[in-house]
Amino acid sequence: MKKLNFVAAMAIAAATLTSCGNGAPSASLKNDVDSMTYAIGMAQSQGLVPYIAQMGIDTTKMDMFIKGVKEGAAVGDDKAKEAYLMGLTIGKQVGSQMAPALERQIFGNDSTQSLNIKTLLAGFIAGTLNKGGQFTMEQARTVAEEKMNSVKARLAEKEFGAWKKKNEDWLAANAKKDSIKTLPSGLQYKIIKAGNGPIPKDTSRVKVNYEGKTIEGEVFETTFTKNDPVTLRANQVVKGWTEALQLMPEGSIWELYIPQDLAYGANDKGKIKPFSTLIFKVELVEANAKLQKLGARPMPSKPGPKPAPGKPRK
């Protein structure tokens, strides 16, 4: 027999049930259809209790769960109740899933920090209704990203402040070398091999070989070992890469010294600690690569505005 949708089965069963509080209702099985309906209801409930327990429901509160099941099954064409029950579902997701996930993303393992759920809901509801909000939706996205980065940086600096200064000092010393050129953004580079081919645009699909390491010389990623270049979009990597690729002729090999604010900033990426300067040896194999299987993106980031290259200065 083809399985019925769980909610549909519950709605069918509800027509023949007589309530006994929120325990197991009695049912009058007057004919084959009644018996079939009741049996379908039982069969469809198999595995439900372990499932709701897995979803975080306290199974000692089954009386309230059953009350909710009855109300949900009885909604029918009542659009107001349907909207209300959907609101309960979304509200629970905001409080028990969205808020904790955001707290982990922003505050990491710092259990002393938390979001104000009422403030989160105020913004959520204003955005849902599209009225009464303190920002436009575009402003909200921008402010959220800026403030999240600011908070994460402030918290990370407590733990990684010494590492941040070490990287800043390293960049300052590196900039004084005769072979190093520095752009207005702070990006530094050294030309190992000068190419003479076309120069990519920020939207170009490029093919590159690269090796990435920290200022302590720890290599965290490379394609040179197997000479296995990857294909990627020039504007779908960290800002330091995007800026450099728009200056490199095809065939070039450059070494890039990317300040943390043009790389991962305060984000912890495992081998790459917050505020890390990234050193990349990059070979631009093709400035306008054909559509192929896209390889790993070395330093992915949200595409940002095209940096103004300016004139290199030593």
C-alpha atoms as a PDB file:
ATOM      1  CA  MET A   1       0.000   0.000   0.000  1.00  0.00           C
ATOM      2  CA  LYS A   2       1.334   3.417  -0.913  1.00  0.00           C
ATOM      3  CA  LYS A   3       2.178   5.414   2.211  1.00  0.00           C
ATOM      4  CA  LEU A   4       0.022   8.406   2.962  1.00  0.00           C
ATOM      5  CA  ASN A   5       1.436  11.736   3.993  1.00  0.00           C
ATOM      6  CA  PHE A   6       1.611  11.811   7.799  1.00  0.00           C
ATOM      7  CA  VAL A   7      -0.423  15.004   8.236  1.00  0.00           C
ATOM      8  CA  ALA A   8      -3.026  13.824   5.729  1.00  0.00           C
ATOM      9  CA  ALA A   9      -3.373  10.538   7.562  1.00  0.00           C
ATOM     10  CA  MET A  10      -3.839  12.344  10.863  1.00  0.00           C
ATOM     11  CA  ALA A  11      -6.526  14.555   9.340  1.00  0.00           C
ATOM     12  CA  ILE A  12      -8.435  11.489   8.101  1.00  0.00           C
ATOM     13  CA  ALA A  13      -8.171   9.813  11.470  1.00  0.00           C
ATOM     14  CA  ALA A  14      -9.353  12.920  13.314  1.00  0.00           C
ATOM     15  CA  ALA A  15     -12.825  12.550  11.773  1.00  0.00           C
ATOM     16  CA  THR A  16     -13.568   9.333  13.679  1.00  0.00           C
ATOM     17  CA  LEU A  17     -11.860  10.105  17.001  1.00  0.00           C
ATOM     18  CA  THR A  18     -13.560  11.033  20.226  1.00  0.00           C
ATOM     19  CA  SER A  19     -11.285  12.886  22.578  1.00  0.00           C
ATOM     20  CA  CYS A  20     -10.194  11.597  25.982  1.00  0.00           C
ATOM     21  CA  GLY A  21      -8.079  14.573  27.076  1.00  0.00           C
ATOM     22  CA  ASN A  22      -4.699  14.448  25.394  1.00  0.00           C
ATOM     23  CA  GLY A  23      -4.162  10.747  25.916  1.00  0.00           C
ATOM     24  CA  ALA A  24      -4.995   8.062  23.360  1.00  0.00           C
ATOM     25  CA  PRO A  25      -8.483   8.860  22.007  1.00  0.00           C
ATOM     26  CA  SER A  26     -11.112   6.171  21.695  1.00  0.00           C
ATOM     27  CA  ALA A  27     -12.331   5.349  18.203  1.00  0.00           C
ATOM     28  CA  SER A  28     -15.512   3.787  16.920  1.00  0.00           C
ATOM     29  CA  LEU A  29     -14.582   1.270  14.215  1.00  0.00           C
ATOM     30  CA  LYS A  30     -18.008   0.734  12.648  1.00  0.00           C
ATOM     31  CA  ASN A  31     -16.897  -0.543   9.254  1.00  0.00           C
ATOM     32  CA  ASP A  32     -13.919  -1.497   7.094  1.00  0.00           C
ATOM     33  CA  VAL A  33     -13.134   2.117   6.238  1.00  0.00           C
ATOM     34  CA  ASP A  34     -12.983   3.011   9.942  1.00  0.00           C
ATOM     35  CA  SER A  35     -10.705   0.060  10.667  1.00  0.00           C
ATOM     36  CA  MET A  36      -8.508   0.902   7.692  1.00  0.00           C
ATOM     37  CA  THR A  37      -8.299   4.553   8.741  1.00  0.00           C
ATOM     38  CA  TYR A  38      -7.386   3.722  12.316  1.00  0.00           C
ATOM     39  CA  ALA A  39      -4.750   1.224  11.167  1.00  0.00           C
ATOM     40  CA  ILE A  40      -3.258   3.778   8.782  1.00  0.00           C
ATOM     41  CA  GLY A  41      -2.981   6.240  11.657  1.00  0.00           C
ATOM     42  CA  MET A  42      -1.137   3.724  13.819  1.00  0.00           C
ATOM     43  CA  ALA A  43       1.154   2.605  10.996  1.00  0.00           C
ATOM     44  CA  GLN A  44       2.075   6.177  10.098  1.00  0.00           C
ATOM     45  CA  SER A  45       3.153   6.900  13.685  1.00  0.00           C
ATOM     46  CA  GLN A  46       5.897   4.283  13.650  1.00  0.00           C
ATOM     47  CA  GLY A  47       9.232   5.874  14.529  1.00  0.00           C
ATOM     48  CA  LEU A  48       7.633   9.232  15.336  1.00  0.00           C
ATOM     49  CA  VAL A  49       8.592   9.340  19.025  1.00  0.00           C
ATOM     50  CA  PRO A  50      12.317   8.698  18.400  1.00  0.00           C
ATOM     51  CA  TYR A  51      12.145  11.276  15.616  1.00  0.00           C
ATOM     52  CA  ILE A  52      10.673  14.031  17.773  1.00  0.00           C
ATOM     53  CA  ALA A  53      13.120  13.135  20.549  1.00  0.00           C
ATOM     54  CA  GLN A  54      15.929  13.569  18.029  1.00  0.00           C
ATOM     55  CA  MET A  55      14.465  16.973  17.168  1.00  0.00           C
ATOM     56  CA  GLY A  56      14.835  18.019  20.802  1.00  0.00           C
ATOM     57  CA  ILE A  57      11.250  17.469  21.996  1.00  0.00           C
ATOM     58  CA  ASP A  58      10.918  16.387  25.638  1.00  0.00           C
ATOM     59  CA  THR A  59       9.002  13.117  25.326  1.00  0.00           C
ATOM     60  CA  THR A  60       7.779  13.403  28.917  1.00  0.00           C
ATOM     61  CA  LYS A  61       5.560  16.200  27.574  1.00  0.00           C
ATOM     62  CA  MET A  62       3.659  14.011  25.135  1.00  0.00           C
ATOM     63  CA  ASP A  63       0.311  15.372  26.341  1.00  0.00           C
ATOM     64  CA  MET A  64       1.233  18.791  24.910  1.00  0.00           C
ATOM     65  CA  PHE A  65       2.590  17.194  21.750  1.00  0.00           C
ATOM     66  CA  ILE A  66      -0.698  15.336  21.232  1.00  0.00           C
ATOM     67  CA  LYS A  67      -2.627  18.556  21.834  1.00  0.00           C
ATOM     68  CA  GLY A  68      -0.598  20.197  19.084  1.00  0.00           C
ATOM     69  CA  VAL A  69      -1.155  17.225  16.753  1.00  0.00           C
ATOM     70  CA  LYS A  70      -4.925  17.464  17.231  1.00  0.00           C
ATOM     71  CA  GLU A  71      -4.992  21.223  16.662  1.00  0.00           C
ATOM     72  CA  GLY A  72      -2.792  20.929  13.596  1.00  0.00           C
ATOM     73  CA  ALA A  73      -4.872  18.135  12.084  1.00  0.00           C
ATOM     74  CA  ALA A  74      -8.084  20.092  12.715  1.00  0.00           C
ATOM     75  CA  VAL A  75      -6.902  23.285  10.988  1.00  0.00           C
ATOM     76  CA  GLY A  76      -8.492  22.329   7.671  1.00  0.00           C
ATOM     77  CA  ASP A  77      -9.297  25.502   5.711  1.00  0.00           C
ATOM     78  CA  ASP A  78      -8.927  27.827   8.707  1.00  0.00           C
ATOM     79  CA  LYS A  79      -6.276  30.154   7.261  1.00  0.00           C
ATOM     80  CA  ALA A  80      -5.853  32.065  10.524  1.00  0.00           C
ATOM     81  CA  LYS A  81      -5.015  28.925  12.489  1.00  0.00           C
ATOM     82  CA  GLU A  82      -2.807  27.710   9.655  1.00  0.00           C
ATOM     83  CA  ALA A  83      -0.838  30.955   9.733  1.00  0.00           C
ATOM     84  CA  TYR A  84      -0.602  30.814  13.530  1.00  0.00           C
ATOM     85  CA  LEU A  85       0.773  27.271  13.540  1.00  0.00           C
ATOM     86  CA  MET A  86       3.299  28.200  10.853  1.00  0.00           C
ATOM     87  CA  GLY A  87       4.306  31.176  12.978  1.00  0.00           C
ATOM     88  CA  LEU A  88       4.874  28.859  15.952  1.00  0.00           C
ATOM     89  CA  THR A  89       7.084  26.650  13.800  1.00  0.00           C
ATOM     90  CA  ILE A  90       9.154  29.537  12.417  1.00  0.00           C
ATOM     91  CA  GLY A  91       9.372  31.187  15.834  1.00  0.00           C
ATOM     92  CA  LYS A  92      10.742  27.996  17.347  1.00  0.00           C
ATOM     93  CA  GLN A  93      13.345  27.803  14.600  1.00  0.00           C
ATOM     94  CA  VAL A  94      14.408  31.385  15.275  1.00  0.00           C
ATOM     95  CA  GLY A  95      14.747  30.795  19.000  1.00  0.00           C
ATOM     96  CA  SER A  96      16.177  27.292  19.108  1.00  0.00           C
ATOM     97  CA  GLN A  97      18.158  27.098  15.867  1.00  0.00           C
ATOM     98  CA  MET A  98      18.896  30.493  14.315  1.00  0.00           C
ATOM     99  CA  ALA A  99      19.921  32.302  17.516  1.00  0.00           C
ATOM    100  CA  PRO A 100      22.272  29.558  18.823  1.00  0.00           C
ATOM    101  CA  ALA A 101      23.854  29.163  15.368  1.00  0.00           C
ATOM    102  CA  LEU A 102      24.481  32.907  15.143  1.00  0.00           C
ATOM    103  CA  GLU A 103      25.964  32.943  18.641  1.00  0.00           C
ATOM    104  CA  ARG A 104      28.400  30.167  17.716  1.00  0.00           C
ATOM    105  CA  GLN A 105      29.339  31.945  14.504  1.00  0.00           C
ATOM    106  CA  ILE A 106      29.911  35.316  16.162  1.00  0.00           C
ATOM    107  CA  PHE A 107      31.100  34.475  19.675  1.00  0.00           C
ATOM    108  CA  GLY A 108      32.698  31.090  19.103  1.00  0.00           C
ATOM    109  CA  ASN A 109      33.124  29.205  22.364  1.00  0.00           C
ATOM    110  CA  ASP A 110      32.627  32.269  24.564  1.00  0.00           C
ATOM    111  CA  SER A 111      29.562  31.208  26.530  1.00  0.00           C
ATOM    112  CA  THR A 112      29.413  34.564  28.331  1.00  0.00           C
ATOM    113  CA  GLN A 113      28.228  36.250  25.130  1.00  0.00           C
ATOM    114  CA  SER A 114      24.708  35.928  23.753  1.00  0.00           C
ATOM    115  CA  LEU A 115      22.196  37.656  21.503  1.00  0.00           C
ATOM    116  CA  ASN A 116      19.076  39.368  22.824  1.00  0.00           C
ATOM    117  CA  ILE A 117      16.301  37.190  21.429  1.00  0.00           C
ATOM    118  CA  LYS A 118      13.732  39.998  21.712  1.00  0.00           C
ATOM    119  CA  THR A 119      15.934  42.312  19.632  1.00  0.00           C
ATOM    120  CA  LEU A 120      16.560  39.534  17.107  1.00  0.00           C
ATOM    121  CA  LEU A 121      12.811  38.950  16.823  1.00  0.00           C
ATOM    122  CA  ALA A 122      12.113  42.684  16.484  1.00  0.00           C
ATOM    123  CA  GLY A 123      14.357  42.868  13.439  1.00  0.00           C
ATOM    124  CA  PHE A 124      13.050  39.559  12.085  1.00  0.00           C
ATOM    125  CA  ILE A 125       9.426  40.690  12.327  1.00  0.00           C
ATOM    126  CA  ALA A 126      10.143  44.118  10.824  1.00  0.00           C
ATOM    127  CA  GLY A 127      11.814  42.432   7.869  1.00  0.00           C
ATOM    128  CA  THR A 128       8.989  39.915   7.509  1.00  0.00           C
ATOM    129  CA  LEU A 129       6.302  42.634   7.473  1.00  0.00           C
ATOM    130  CA  ASN A 130       8.493  44.952   5.363  1.00  0.00           C
ATOM    131  CA  LYS A 131       7.482  47.919   7.473  1.00  0.00           C
ATOM    132  CA  GLY A 132       8.524  49.652  10.666  1.00  0.00           C
ATOM    133  CA  GLY A 133      12.156  48.631  10.283  1.00  0.00           C
ATOM    134  CA  GLN A 134      15.104  50.833  11.229  1.00  0.00           C
ATOM    135  CA  PHE A 135      16.995  49.826   8.057  1.00  0.00           C
ATOM    136  CA  THR A 136      16.197  48.942   4.504  1.00  0.00           C
ATOM    137  CA  MET A 137      16.867  45.277   3.745  1.00  0.00           C
ATOM    138  CA  GLU A 138      20.057  46.203   1.883  1.00  0.00           C
ATOM    139  CA  GLN A 139      21.212  48.343   4.810  1.00  0.00           C
ATOM    140  CA  ALA A 140      20.404  45.529   7.223  1.00  0.00           C
ATOM    141  CA  ARG A 141      22.616  43.093   5.320  1.00  0.00           C
ATOM    142  CA  THR A 142      25.468  45.608   5.222  1.00  0.00           C
ATOM    143  CA  VAL A 143      25.175  46.588   8.891  1.00  0.00           C
ATOM    144  CA  ALA A 144      24.884  42.942   9.962  1.00  0.00           C
ATOM    145  CA  GLU A 145      28.060  41.970   8.102  1.00  0.00           C
ATOM    146  CA  GLU A 146      30.030  45.007   9.293  1.00  0.00           C
ATOM    147  CA  LYS A 147      28.975  44.646  12.931  1.00  0.00           C
ATOM    148  CA  MET A 148      29.545  40.880  12.948  1.00  0.00           C
ATOM    149  CA  ASN A 149      33.066  41.381  11.633  1.00  0.00           C
ATOM    150  CA  SER A 150      33.670  44.134  14.183  1.00  0.00           C
ATOM    151  CA  VAL A 151      32.466  42.040  17.122  1.00  0.00           C
ATOM    152  CA  LYS A 152      34.415  38.970  15.972  1.00  0.00           C
ATOM    153  CA  ALA A 153      37.556  41.065  15.531  1.00  0.00           C
ATOM    154  CA  ARG A 154      37.216  42.584  19.007  1.00  0.00           C
ATOM    155  CA  LEU A 155      36.791  39.178  20.616  1.00  0.00           C
ATOM    156  CA  ALA A 156      39.540  37.560  18.552  1.00  0.00           C
ATOM    157  CA  GLU A 157      42.006  40.327  19.399  1.00  0.00           C
ATOM    158  CA  LYS A 158      41.814  39.403  23.080  1.00  0.00           C
ATOM    159  CA  GLU A 159      43.293  36.009  22.217  1.00  0.00           C
ATOM    160  CA  PHE A 160      45.286  36.757  19.076  1.00  0.00           C
ATOM    161  CA  GLY A 161      46.439  40.336  19.672  1.00  0.00           C
ATOM    162  CA  ALA A 162      50.117  39.369  19.886  1.00  0.00           C
ATOM    163  CA  TRP A 163      49.850  37.348  16.666  1.00  0.00           C
ATOM    164  CA  LYS A 164      48.182  40.291  14.921  1.00  0.00           C
ATOM    165  CA  LYS A 165      51.041  42.613  15.895  1.00  0.00           C
ATOM    166  CA  LYS A 166      53.616  40.020  14.788  1.00  0.00           C
ATOM    167  CA  ASN A 167      52.006  39.882  11.334  1.00  0.00           C
ATOM    168  CA  GLU A 168      51.792  43.686  11.100  1.00  0.00           C
ATOM    169  CA  ASP A 169      55.477  44.008  12.029  1.00  0.00           C
ATOM    170  CA  TRP A 170      56.388  41.330   9.489  1.00  0.00           C
ATOM    171  CA  LEU A 171      54.574  43.195   6.706  1.00  0.00           C
ATOM    172  CA  ALA A 172      56.208  46.487   7.666  1.00  0.00           C
ATOM    173  CA  ALA A 173      59.660  44.904   7.475  1.00  0.00           C
ATOM    174  CA  ASN A 174      58.833  43.100   4.223  1.00  0.00           C
ATOM    175  CA  ALA A 175      57.724  46.351   2.572  1.00  0.00           C
ATOM    176  CA  LYS A 176      61.234  47.794   2.992  1.00  0.00           C
ATOM    177  CA  LYS A 177      62.826  45.175   0.733  1.00  0.00           C
ATOM    178  CA  ASP A 178      63.863  46.428  -2.708  1.00  0.00           C
ATOM    179  CA  SER A 179      62.063  43.610  -4.542  1.00  0.00           C
ATOM    180  CA  ILE A 180      58.704  44.285  -2.878  1.00  0.00           C
ATOM    181  CA  LYS A 181      56.049  46.575  -4.317  1.00  0.00           C
ATOM    182  CA  THR A 182      53.139  47.834  -2.185  1.00  0.00           C
ATOM    183  CA  LEU A 183      49.736  48.923  -3.443  1.00  0.00           C
ATOM    184  CA  PRO A 184      47.565  51.581  -1.746  1.00  0.00           C
ATOM    185  CA  SER A 185      45.351  48.824  -0.323  1.00  0.00           C
ATOM    186  CA  GLY A 186      48.336  47.421   1.593  1.00  0.00           C
ATOM    187  CA  LEU A 187      48.752  44.427  -0.707  1.00  0.00           C
ATOM    188  CA  GLN A 188      52.432  43.627  -1.318  1.00  0.00           C
ATOM    189  CA  TYR A 189      53.874  41.582  -4.167  1.00  0.00           C
ATOM    190  CA  LYS A 190      57.127  40.475  -5.764  1.00  0.00           C
ATOM    191  CA  ILE A 191      57.462  39.558  -9.435  1.00  0.00           C
ATOM    192  CA  ILE A 192      59.234  36.216  -9.796  1.00  0.00           C
ATOM    193  CA  LYS A 193      58.483  35.863 -13.501  1.00  0.00           C
ATOM    194  CA  ALA A 194      57.012  38.568 -15.736  1.00  0.00           C
ATOM    195  CA  GLY A 195      54.337  37.395 -18.155  1.00  0.00           C
ATOM    196  CA  ASN A 196      53.305  39.158 -21.356  1.00  0.00           C
ATOM    197  CA  GLY A 197      49.831  37.754 -21.965  1.00  0.00           C
ATOM    198  CA  PRO A 198      46.379  39.265 -21.377  1.00  0.00           C
ATOM    199  CA  ILE A 199      45.407  40.577 -17.934  1.00  0.00           C
ATOM    200  CA  PRO A 200      42.231  39.192 -16.298  1.00  0.00           C
ATOM    201  CA  LYS A 201      39.230  41.284 -15.373  1.00  0.00           C
ATOM    202  CA  ASP A 202      37.569  40.775 -12.001  1.00  0.00           C
ATOM    203  CA  THR A 203      34.882  38.660 -13.699  1.00  0.00           C
ATOM    204  CA  SER A 204      37.359  36.516 -15.667  1.00  0.00           C
ATOM    205  CA  ARG A 205      37.672  32.798 -15.148  1.00  0.00           C
ATOM    206  CA  VAL A 206      41.361  32.159 -14.562  1.00  0.00           C
ATOM    207  CA  LYS A 207      43.536  29.065 -14.284  1.00  0.00           C
ATOM    208  CA  VAL A 208      46.236  29.223 -11.624  1.00  0.00           C
ATOM    209  CA  ASN A 209      48.823  27.249  -9.746  1.00  0.00           C
ATOM    210  CA  TYR A 210      49.423  28.468  -6.215  1.00  0.00           C
ATOM    211  CA  GLU A 211      51.042  27.745  -2.886  1.00  0.00           C
ATOM    212  CA  GLY A 212      49.822  29.372   0.311  1.00  0.00           C
ATOM    213  CA  LYS A 213      51.755  29.695   3.559  1.00  0.00           C
ATOM    214  CA  THR A 214      51.876  31.752   6.744  1.00  0.00           C
ATOM    215  CA  ILE A 215      54.665  34.141   7.785  1.00  0.00           C
ATOM    216  CA  GLU A 216      56.106  31.232   9.794  1.00  0.00           C
ATOM    217  CA  GLY A 217      56.507  29.246   6.593  1.00  0.00           C
ATOM    218  CA  GLU A 218      53.728  26.696   7.210  1.00  0.00           C
ATOM    219  CA  VAL A 219      52.260  25.629   3.858  1.00  0.00           C
ATOM    220  CA  PHE A 220      48.491  25.206   4.155  1.00  0.00           C
ATOM    221  CA  GLU A 221      47.622  24.556   0.503  1.00  0.00           C
ATOM    222  CA  THR A 222      49.444  23.971  -2.801  1.00  0.00           C
ATOM    223  CA  THR A 223      48.833  22.857  -6.367  1.00  0.00           C
ATOM    224  CA  PHE A 224      52.466  23.067  -7.459  1.00  0.00           C
ATOM    225  CA  THR A 225      53.359  19.641  -6.020  1.00  0.00           C
ATOM    226  CA  LYS A 226      51.245  17.831  -8.617  1.00  0.00           C
ATOM    227  CA  ASN A 227      51.209  20.700 -11.129  1.00  0.00           C
ATOM    228  CA  ASP A 228      47.431  20.586 -10.957  1.00  0.00           C
ATOM    229  CA  PRO A 229      46.177  24.146 -11.617  1.00  0.00           C
ATOM    230  CA  VAL A 230      42.649  25.111 -10.596  1.00  0.00           C
ATOM    231  CA  THR A 231      40.101  27.216 -12.455  1.00  0.00           C
ATOM    232  CA  LEU A 232      38.242  29.932 -10.554  1.00  0.00           C
ATOM    233  CA  ARG A 233      36.565  33.306 -10.872  1.00  0.00           C
ATOM    234  CA  ALA A 234      38.825  36.251 -10.133  1.00  0.00           C
ATOM    235  CA  ASN A 235      36.132  37.902  -8.012  1.00  0.00           C
ATOM    236  CA  GLN A 236      35.293  34.807  -5.966  1.00  0.00           C
ATOM    237  CA  VAL A 237      38.437  34.759  -3.866  1.00  0.00           C
ATOM    238  CA  VAL A 238      39.696  37.014  -1.071  1.00  0.00           C
ATOM    239  CA  LYS A 239      40.203  40.675  -1.924  1.00  0.00           C
ATOM    240  CA  GLY A 240      43.987  40.404  -2.052  1.00  0.00           C
ATOM    241  CA  TRP A 241      43.797  37.748  -4.744  1.00  0.00           C
ATOM    242  CA  THR A 242      41.182  39.640  -6.754  1.00  0.00           C
ATOM    243  CA  GLU A 243      43.276  42.801  -6.735  1.00  0.00           C
ATOM    244  CA  ALA A 244      46.502  41.025  -7.722  1.00  0.00           C
ATOM    245  CA  LEU A 245      44.913  38.986 -10.527  1.00  0.00           C
ATOM    246  CA  GLN A 246      43.735  42.186 -12.226  1.00  0.00           C
ATOM    247  CA  LEU A 247      47.361  43.345 -12.481  1.00  0.00           C
ATOM    248  CA  MET A 248      49.024  40.086 -13.563  1.00  0.00           C
ATOM    249  CA  PRO A 249      49.664  39.359 -17.250  1.00  0.00           C
ATOM    250  CA  GLU A 250      49.142  35.741 -18.273  1.00  0.00           C
ATOM    251  CA  GLY A 251      52.316  33.726 -17.764  1.00  0.00           C
ATOM    252  CA  SER A 252      53.321  35.691 -14.662  1.00  0.00           C
ATOM    253  CA  ILE A 253      54.490  34.185 -11.403  1.00  0.00           C
ATOM    254  CA  TRP A 254      54.120  36.529  -8.445  1.00  0.00           C
ATOM    255  CA  GLU A 255      54.496  36.170  -4.721  1.00  0.00           C
ATOM    256  CA  LEU A 256      51.689  37.928  -2.875  1.00  0.00           C
ATOM    257  CA  TYR A 257      51.804  39.168   0.709  1.00  0.00           C
ATOM    258  CA  ILE A 258      48.180  39.673   1.687  1.00  0.00           C
ATOM    259  CA  PRO A 259      47.330  41.657   4.861  1.00  0.00           C
ATOM    260  CA  GLN A 260      44.686  40.124   7.091  1.00  0.00           C
ATOM    261  CA  ASP A 261      42.070  42.728   6.151  1.00  0.00           C
ATOM    262  CA  LEU A 262      42.366  41.597   2.514  1.00  0.00           C
ATOM    263  CA  ALA A 263      42.264  37.926   3.535  1.00  0.00           C
ATOM    264  CA  TYR A 264      40.376  36.215   6.377  1.00  0.00           C
ATOM    265  CA  GLY A 265      40.513  39.008   8.940  1.00  0.00           C
ATOM    266  CA  ALA A 266      39.425  37.863  12.411  1.00  0.00           C
ATOM    267  CA  ASN A 267      38.058  34.523  11.183  1.00  0.00           C
ATOM    268  CA  ASP A 268      39.711  31.379  12.478  1.00  0.00           C
ATOM    269  CA  LYS A 269      40.397  28.959   9.623  1.00  0.00           C
ATOM    270  CA  GLY A 270      42.209  26.206  11.473  1.00  0.00           C
ATOM    271  CA  LYS A 271      45.763  26.308  10.166  1.00  0.00           C
ATOM    272  CA  ILE A 272      45.174  29.984   9.393  1.00  0.00           C
ATOM    273  CA  LYS A 273      44.773  31.861  12.660  1.00  0.00           C
ATOM    274  CA  PRO A 274      42.832  35.142  12.927  1.00  0.00           C
ATOM    275  CA  PHE A 275      44.687  38.242  11.655  1.00  0.00           C
ATOM    276  CA  SER A 276      47.110  36.149   9.588  1.00  0.00           C
ATOM    277  CA  THR A 277      49.094  37.619   6.725  1.00  0.00           C
ATOM    278  CA  LEU A 278      48.913  35.166   3.818  1.00  0.00           C
ATOM    279  CA  ILE A 279      51.820  34.532   1.480  1.00  0.00           C
ATOM    280  CA  PHE A 280      50.903  33.106  -1.909  1.00  0.00           C
ATOM    281  CA  LYS A 281      53.099  32.121  -4.806  1.00  0.00           C
ATOM    282  CA  VAL A 282      50.735  32.425  -7.786  1.00  0.00           C
ATOM    283  CA  GLU A 283      51.276  31.357 -11.395  1.00  0.00           C
ATOM    284  CA  LEU A 284      48.684  32.751 -13.793  1.00  0.00           C
ATOM    285  CA  VAL A 285      48.446  29.900 -16.312  1.00  0.00           C
ATOM    286  CA  GLU A 286      45.454  31.298 -18.234  1.00  0.00           C
ATOM    287  CA  ALA A 287      43.860  34.726 -17.900  1.00  0.00           C
ATOM    288  CA  ASN A 288      40.641  33.654 -19.634  1.00  0.00           C
ATOM    289  CA  ALA A 289      40.220  29.947 -19.043  1.00  0.00           C
ATOM    290  CA  LYS A 290      37.547  27.922 -20.781  1.00  0.00           C
ATOM    291  CA  LEU A 291      34.696  26.488 -18.743  1.00  0.00           C
ATOM    292  CA  GLN A 292      36.045  23.433 -16.990  1.00  0.00           C
ATOM    293  CA  LYS A 293      35.564  21.645 -13.721  1.00  0.00           C
ATOM    294  CA  LEU A 294      36.007  24.373 -11.145  1.00  0.00           C
ATOM    295  CA  GLY A 295      38.771  23.577  -8.710  1.00  0.00           C
ATOM    296  CA  ALA A 296      39.123  24.454  -5.066  1.00  0.00           C
ATOM    297  CA  ARG A 297      38.952  28.166  -4.472  1.00  0.00           C
ATOM    298  CA  PRO A 298      42.072  29.018  -2.486  1.00  0.00           C
ATOM    299  CA  MET A 299      40.652  31.786  -0.327  1.00  0.00           C
ATOM    300  CA  PRO A 300      36.892  32.073  -0.937  1.00  0.00           C
ATOM    301  CA  SER A 301      35.066  35.185   0.112  1.00  0.00           C
ATOM    302  CA  LYS A 302      31.959  37.114  -0.727  1.00  0.00           C
ATOM    303  CA  PRO A 303      32.636  39.089  -3.915  1.00  0.00           C
ATOM    304  CA  GLY A 304      33.261  42.705  -3.018  1.00  0.00           C
ATOM    305  CA  PRO A 305      33.733  45.922  -4.967  1.00  0.00           C
ATOM    306  CA  LYS A 306      36.612  45.983  -7.369  1.00  0.00           C
ATOM    307  CA  PRO A 307      39.656  47.458  -5.636  1.00  0.00           C
ATOM    308  CA  ALA A 308      41.277  50.488  -7.257  1.00  0.00           C
ATOM    309  CA  PRO A 309      44.712  49.211  -8.277  1.00  0.00           C
ATOM    310  CA  GLY A 310      46.430  52.578  -8.319  1.00  0.00           C
ATOM    311  CA  LYS A 311      50.109  52.857  -9.088  1.00  0.00           C
ATOM    312  CA  PRO A 312      52.447  50.451  -7.294  1.00  0.00           C
ATOM    313  CA  ARG A 313      54.876  52.044  -4.903  1.00  0.00           C
ATOM    314  CA  LYS A 314      57.869  50.602  -3.189  1.00  0.00           C
END
